[in-house]
């Protein structure tokens, strides 16, 4: 099973188990289970954060290692869930667009980032003429959305503007916060995280268990 599929399957299983905890008929058991999960996640999050701080303090090689880890599919998902990814939301969206550009260009379409707001909503612009290219405006839009969702699953919405798409259309994704994250996955506002000033973060189940 591909790493990304395996991670997604595990996250879905965690979410299903949290729902079962919420639905139990024994309030005391439910409360104890939620406290256990939250405590474990806080412990894991603090440990992972400290690990990254130690690696970062080792200098250039450590920073390079963190960058390599952040690009790995499985590790990237873990860091995003704990709000510990070193790259801001805007940086990850730009990388996603870079990944989609060759395909779009082959169909005469370009994409640019208009902006990322404080709530994590992303506005993009698609432009170009795809007459006779074998693709549709909707397929172009879907390609971009999938690329963004892969590298930035914490976006709250994607709005696509431009001549080949409905300027008012918006595609909402399941925000990372539904899995208990902080909804940003970074140090807020699309800024890159400074490990020396990072706050402890272990919020996978914060909303689900409180």
Protein backbone atom coordinates (compact mmCIF):
# COMPACT_ATOMS: atom_id res chain seq x y z
CA UNK A 1 0.00 0.00 0.00
CA UNK A 2 1.42 3.46 -0.87
CA UNK A 3 2.54 5.49 2.13
CA UNK A 4 -0.04 8.22 1.53
CA UNK A 5 -2.88 5.68 1.32
CA UNK A 6 -1.70 3.92 4.46
CA UNK A 7 -1.52 7.19 6.40
CA UNK A 8 -4.98 8.19 5.25
CA UNK A 9 -6.34 4.80 6.29
CA UNK A 10 -4.78 5.13 9.74
CA UNK A 11 -6.19 8.63 10.20
CA UNK A 12 -9.66 7.44 9.24
CA UNK A 13 -9.36 4.61 11.76
CA UNK A 14 -8.35 7.07 14.50
CA UNK A 15 -11.30 9.29 13.67
CA UNK A 16 -13.70 6.30 13.74
CA UNK A 17 -12.40 5.23 17.14
CA UNK A 18 -12.83 8.75 18.50
CA UNK A 19 -16.43 8.72 17.30
CA UNK A 20 -17.01 5.44 19.13
CA UNK A 21 -15.62 6.97 22.30
CA UNK A 22 -17.99 9.90 21.93
CA UNK A 23 -20.96 7.57 21.42
CA UNK A 24 -20.36 5.26 24.37
CA UNK A 25 -23.19 4.99 26.92
CA UNK A 26 -20.80 5.09 29.87
CA UNK A 27 -19.79 8.75 30.48
CA UNK A 28 -17.05 7.81 32.94
CA UNK A 29 -15.44 5.37 30.50
CA UNK A 30 -15.71 7.89 27.66
CA UNK A 31 -14.09 10.60 29.77
CA UNK A 32 -11.26 8.30 30.85
CA UNK A 33 -10.64 7.16 27.26
CA UNK A 34 -10.55 10.73 25.98
CA UNK A 35 -8.18 11.79 28.72
CA UNK A 36 -5.91 8.83 27.96
CA UNK A 37 -5.80 9.65 24.24
CA UNK A 38 -5.21 13.34 24.87
CA UNK A 39 -2.43 12.65 27.37
CA UNK A 40 -0.68 10.27 24.98
CA UNK A 41 -0.92 12.74 22.13
CA UNK A 42 0.45 15.56 24.27
CA UNK A 43 3.35 13.36 25.34
CA UNK A 44 4.11 12.27 21.78
CA UNK A 45 3.80 15.80 20.44
CA UNK A 46 6.14 17.26 23.05
CA UNK A 47 8.66 14.48 22.40
CA UNK A 48 8.59 14.94 18.62
CA UNK A 49 8.93 18.70 19.03
CA UNK A 50 11.93 18.29 21.32
CA UNK A 51 13.50 15.86 18.85
CA UNK A 52 13.17 18.44 16.09
CA UNK A 53 14.64 21.15 18.30
CA UNK A 54 17.71 18.99 19.00
CA UNK A 55 18.16 18.22 15.31
CA UNK A 56 17.75 21.91 14.43
CA UNK A 57 20.40 22.92 16.96
CA UNK A 58 22.97 20.67 15.27
CA UNK A 59 23.36 23.26 12.52
CA UNK A 60 23.11 23.12 8.75
CA UNK A 61 23.02 19.34 8.52
CA UNK A 62 20.18 19.23 11.05
CA UNK A 63 18.16 21.84 9.18
CA UNK A 64 18.67 19.89 5.97
CA UNK A 65 17.51 16.71 7.71
CA UNK A 66 14.33 18.42 8.96
CA UNK A 67 13.63 19.60 5.42
CA UNK A 68 14.07 16.04 4.12
CA UNK A 69 11.75 14.66 6.80
CA UNK A 70 9.14 17.33 6.05
CA UNK A 71 9.02 16.24 2.40
CA UNK A 72 8.49 12.56 3.23
CA UNK A 73 4.82 11.62 2.79
CA UNK A 74 4.43 9.76 6.07
CA UNK A 75 6.51 12.09 8.24
CA UNK A 76 4.91 15.14 6.62
CA UNK A 77 1.48 13.94 7.67
CA UNK A 78 2.67 13.36 11.23
CA UNK A 79 4.21 16.81 11.50
CA UNK A 80 1.09 18.44 10.10
CA UNK A 81 -1.15 16.63 12.57
CA UNK A 82 0.91 17.90 15.47
CA UNK A 83 1.28 21.40 14.05
CA UNK A 84 5.05 20.89 13.78
CA UNK A 85 5.68 21.14 10.04
CA UNK A 86 8.59 23.55 9.40
CA UNK A 87 7.02 25.07 6.27
CA UNK A 88 4.20 27.57 6.40
CA UNK A 89 0.94 26.94 4.60
CA UNK A 90 1.76 29.37 1.78
CA UNK A 91 5.11 27.68 1.14
CA UNK A 92 3.46 24.28 0.85
CA UNK A 93 0.74 25.63 -1.45
CA UNK A 94 3.39 27.14 -3.73
CA UNK A 95 5.19 23.78 -3.88
CA UNK A 96 1.92 22.09 -4.79
CA UNK A 97 1.36 24.56 -7.61
CA UNK A 98 4.89 23.96 -8.87
CA UNK A 99 4.10 20.25 -8.94
CA UNK A 100 0.91 20.83 -10.98
CA UNK A 101 2.34 23.40 -13.42
CA UNK A 102 3.95 21.00 -15.95
CA UNK A 103 0.64 19.20 -16.50
CA UNK A 104 -1.29 22.45 -16.74
CA UNK A 105 1.26 23.96 -19.11
CA UNK A 106 0.93 20.99 -21.43
CA UNK A 107 -2.72 22.01 -21.83
CA UNK A 108 -2.03 25.71 -22.23
CA UNK A 109 -3.10 26.65 -18.72
CA UNK A 110 -1.20 28.53 -16.00
CA UNK A 111 -1.88 28.78 -12.28
CA UNK A 112 -0.89 31.42 -9.74
CA UNK A 113 -1.47 31.94 -6.04
CA UNK A 114 -3.61 34.98 -5.28
CA UNK A 115 -3.38 34.64 -1.53
CA UNK A 116 -3.84 32.68 1.69
CA UNK A 117 -6.01 34.25 4.38
CA UNK A 118 -5.68 33.94 8.15
CA UNK A 119 -8.36 31.23 8.24
CA UNK A 120 -6.37 29.00 5.89
CA UNK A 121 -8.48 29.60 2.77
CA UNK A 122 -6.49 29.61 -0.47
CA UNK A 123 -7.36 31.67 -3.55
CA UNK A 124 -5.88 30.61 -6.89
CA UNK A 125 -6.12 31.91 -10.44
CA UNK A 126 -6.25 29.64 -13.49
CA UNK A 127 -5.76 31.22 -16.90
CA UNK A 128 -5.39 29.96 -20.44
CA UNK A 129 -7.22 28.39 -23.35
CA UNK A 130 -7.62 24.65 -23.44
CA UNK A 131 -9.44 24.33 -26.75
CA UNK A 132 -8.93 20.89 -28.26
CA UNK A 133 -6.45 19.83 -25.57
CA UNK A 134 -8.54 16.87 -24.42
CA UNK A 135 -9.12 18.33 -20.96
CA UNK A 136 -11.88 20.42 -19.43
CA UNK A 137 -11.76 23.45 -17.12
CA UNK A 138 -13.11 21.23 -14.36
CA UNK A 139 -10.35 18.67 -14.84
CA UNK A 140 -7.73 21.44 -14.72
CA UNK A 141 -9.27 22.74 -11.52
CA UNK A 142 -9.40 19.24 -10.03
CA UNK A 143 -5.71 18.68 -10.81
CA UNK A 144 -4.74 21.82 -8.92
CA UNK A 145 -7.00 21.06 -5.98
CA UNK A 146 -5.60 17.54 -5.63
CA UNK A 147 -2.03 18.84 -5.71
CA UNK A 148 -2.78 21.42 -3.01
CA UNK A 149 -4.66 18.92 -0.85
CA UNK A 150 -1.74 16.49 -1.00
CA UNK A 151 0.85 18.94 0.35
CA UNK A 152 -1.46 21.19 2.38
CA UNK A 153 -4.33 19.13 3.82
CA UNK A 154 -4.82 21.81 6.45
CA UNK A 155 -6.31 24.34 4.00
CA UNK A 156 -9.88 25.18 4.92
CA UNK A 157 -11.07 26.03 1.40
CA UNK A 158 -9.82 26.58 -2.13
CA UNK A 159 -11.31 29.31 -4.31
CA UNK A 160 -10.44 29.15 -8.00
CA UNK A 161 -10.67 32.28 -10.13
CA UNK A 162 -9.90 32.78 -13.80
CA UNK A 163 -11.05 32.59 -17.36
CA UNK A 164 -11.37 28.81 -17.55
CA UNK A 165 -13.20 28.42 -14.23
CA UNK A 166 -16.22 29.92 -12.56
CA UNK A 167 -14.87 32.89 -10.63
CA UNK A 168 -17.30 32.21 -7.79
CA UNK A 169 -16.57 28.52 -7.42
CA UNK A 170 -15.02 27.23 -4.27
CA UNK A 171 -13.91 23.74 -3.26
CA UNK A 172 -13.96 23.05 0.45
CA UNK A 173 -11.70 20.36 1.85
CA UNK A 174 -11.98 18.47 5.13
CA UNK A 175 -9.79 20.67 7.35
CA UNK A 176 -7.08 19.06 9.40
CA UNK A 177 -8.84 20.37 12.48
CA UNK A 178 -11.53 17.70 12.01
CA UNK A 179 -8.85 15.18 12.93
CA UNK A 180 -8.05 17.24 15.96
CA UNK A 181 -5.27 19.45 14.58
CA UNK A 182 -5.04 23.17 15.11
CA UNK A 183 -6.30 23.93 11.59
CA UNK A 184 -3.05 25.53 10.56
CA UNK A 185 -0.38 22.85 10.72
CA UNK A 186 2.25 25.58 11.06
CA UNK A 187 3.08 28.48 13.25
CA UNK A 188 -0.05 30.27 12.01
CA UNK A 189 -0.53 32.79 9.24
CA UNK A 190 1.48 30.76 6.74
CA UNK A 191 4.76 31.60 8.49
CA UNK A 192 7.64 29.16 8.72
CA UNK A 193 8.09 27.64 12.15
CA UNK A 194 11.06 28.60 14.32
CA UNK A 195 11.86 25.53 16.40
CA UNK A 196 13.58 27.64 19.04
CA UNK A 197 10.35 29.53 19.71
CA UNK A 198 7.86 26.80 18.99
CA UNK A 199 5.05 26.17 21.44
CA UNK A 200 4.38 22.56 22.51
CA UNK A 201 1.89 21.12 20.06
CA UNK A 202 0.09 17.80 20.23
CA UNK A 203 -3.38 18.57 19.01
CA UNK A 204 -4.46 15.55 16.97
CA UNK A 205 -7.43 14.96 19.25
CA UNK A 206 -7.72 18.33 20.95
CA UNK A 207 -11.15 19.13 19.58
CA UNK A 208 -12.40 15.57 19.62
CA UNK A 209 -11.59 14.92 23.27
CA UNK A 210 -12.42 18.26 24.84
